[in-house]
């Protein structure tokens, strides 16, 4: 564990420890996961619209988080966390909070 409370996400990206819990709640750590009702995708369950609005579709060249590498998804989740805290994942807070 990093002194600032960050942990290795497993792909060379350091993320806040809460993001590991969020990832597990959102997708059971499945980077290819897709929610059949909402269409949210990837380990952190980004909606395609959020993925695009954060700039990740352009940055990584994929329209869906599930098509980004695990390291890219971890980087994207970290960037979203830095920008918005845990707000993007508030719907699942009963699981990770």
Foldseek 3Di string as FASTA:
>chain_A
DDPVQWDPPPPRDTAHPLVNQQLCQVAVVQQQDADPPQRQHGSNRHRLVRCVVLPNCVVQVHSHSSPGDPVSNSVSVRSCCVVPNCVVRVVRVVRRD
